[in-house]
């Protein structure tokens, strides 16, 4: 039996800031409300911009592209986090 690895999107990895609800009115008078979102802490604790910066420097895992989606394997992320936790704790 083979276990299927779980895949994560950037929204799972990066911190997401809080967003207040907003109501938009079209020229026709129709109103559309975008709901509020509370702040969310991602697995890494970094912002999406910082994660992409680390990828460009070769310090973070490059995403797997499936169609237009950028995905990361959960097992790879866990290994990356573990390697950086042991590096940081041994430096102190």
Protein backbone atom coordinates (compact mmCIF):
# COMPACT_ATOMS: atom_id res chain seq x y z
CA UNK A 1 0.00 0.00 0.00
CA UNK A 2 1.37 3.40 -0.97
CA UNK A 3 0.56 6.55 0.93
CA UNK A 4 -0.26 9.57 -1.18
CA UNK A 5 1.71 12.64 -0.18
CA UNK A 6 -0.26 15.74 0.71
CA UNK A 7 0.34 18.90 -1.31
CA UNK A 8 0.24 22.47 0.00
CA UNK A 9 -0.41 25.78 -1.69
CA UNK A 10 1.17 29.11 -0.84
CA UNK A 11 -1.88 29.95 1.30
CA UNK A 12 -0.96 27.02 3.55
CA UNK A 13 2.71 28.03 3.82
CA UNK A 14 2.57 31.82 4.18
CA UNK A 15 1.04 34.13 6.75
CA UNK A 16 -2.16 35.83 5.62
CA UNK A 17 -3.02 39.28 7.04
CA UNK A 18 -6.47 40.11 8.36
CA UNK A 19 -8.90 41.65 5.89
CA UNK A 20 -12.00 43.69 6.75
CA UNK A 21 -15.29 43.27 4.92
CA UNK A 22 -15.87 45.67 2.02
CA UNK A 23 -18.94 46.46 -0.05
CA UNK A 24 -18.55 47.46 -3.68
CA UNK A 25 -21.26 49.10 -5.78
CA UNK A 26 -21.30 48.61 -9.55
CA UNK A 27 -22.41 51.34 -11.96
CA UNK A 28 -25.71 49.48 -12.31
CA UNK A 29 -26.29 49.90 -8.56
CA UNK A 30 -25.77 46.25 -7.75
CA UNK A 31 -23.82 45.74 -4.52
CA UNK A 32 -21.26 43.04 -3.85
CA UNK A 33 -19.79 42.36 -0.42
CA UNK A 34 -16.37 40.78 0.08
CA UNK A 35 -16.38 39.04 3.42
CA UNK A 36 -13.83 39.64 6.16
CA UNK A 37 -10.98 37.21 6.78
CA UNK A 38 -9.15 36.84 10.04
CA UNK A 39 -5.37 36.69 10.11
CA UNK A 40 -3.89 33.24 9.53
CA UNK A 41 -0.43 31.98 10.38
CA UNK A 42 1.06 29.67 7.77
CA UNK A 43 3.32 26.69 8.39
CA UNK A 44 6.53 28.63 7.75
CA UNK A 45 5.66 31.89 9.50
CA UNK A 46 6.92 33.85 6.47
CA UNK A 47 5.00 36.05 4.05
CA UNK A 48 4.46 34.83 0.49
CA UNK A 49 6.82 37.54 -0.79
CA UNK A 50 9.59 36.35 1.54
CA UNK A 51 9.08 32.70 0.53
CA UNK A 52 9.43 33.61 -3.16
CA UNK A 53 12.54 35.66 -2.30
CA UNK A 54 14.05 32.59 -0.57
CA UNK A 55 13.18 30.42 -3.60
CA UNK A 56 14.99 32.86 -5.91
CA UNK A 57 18.06 32.71 -3.64
CA UNK A 58 17.95 28.90 -3.59
CA UNK A 59 17.26 28.81 0.16
CA UNK A 60 13.73 27.35 -0.06
CA UNK A 61 12.20 24.49 -2.00
CA UNK A 62 11.08 25.27 -5.52
CA UNK A 63 7.39 24.54 -6.10
CA UNK A 64 6.07 21.67 -8.16
CA UNK A 65 4.06 23.08 -11.05
CA UNK A 66 0.83 21.26 -11.87
CA UNK A 67 -0.90 23.28 -14.56
CA UNK A 68 -0.82 26.84 -13.29
CA UNK A 69 -0.73 25.80 -9.63
CA UNK A 70 2.44 25.99 -7.53
CA UNK A 71 2.44 23.20 -4.97
CA UNK A 72 4.83 21.87 -2.33
CA UNK A 73 4.90 18.37 -0.81
CA UNK A 74 4.14 18.40 2.89
CA UNK A 75 6.90 15.86 3.53
CA UNK A 76 9.46 18.11 1.77
CA UNK A 77 8.33 21.14 3.79
CA UNK A 78 8.56 19.17 7.04
CA UNK A 79 12.11 18.07 6.16
CA UNK A 80 13.09 21.65 5.29
CA UNK A 81 11.65 22.97 8.56
CA UNK A 82 13.34 20.21 10.56
CA UNK A 83 16.72 20.88 8.96
CA UNK A 84 16.45 24.59 9.75
CA UNK A 85 15.31 23.98 13.33
CA UNK A 86 18.31 21.76 14.06
CA UNK A 87 20.68 24.25 12.37
CA UNK A 88 19.38 27.19 14.37
CA UNK A 89 19.38 25.34 17.71
CA UNK A 90 22.96 24.09 17.22
CA UNK A 91 24.18 27.63 16.47
CA UNK A 92 22.90 29.03 19.78
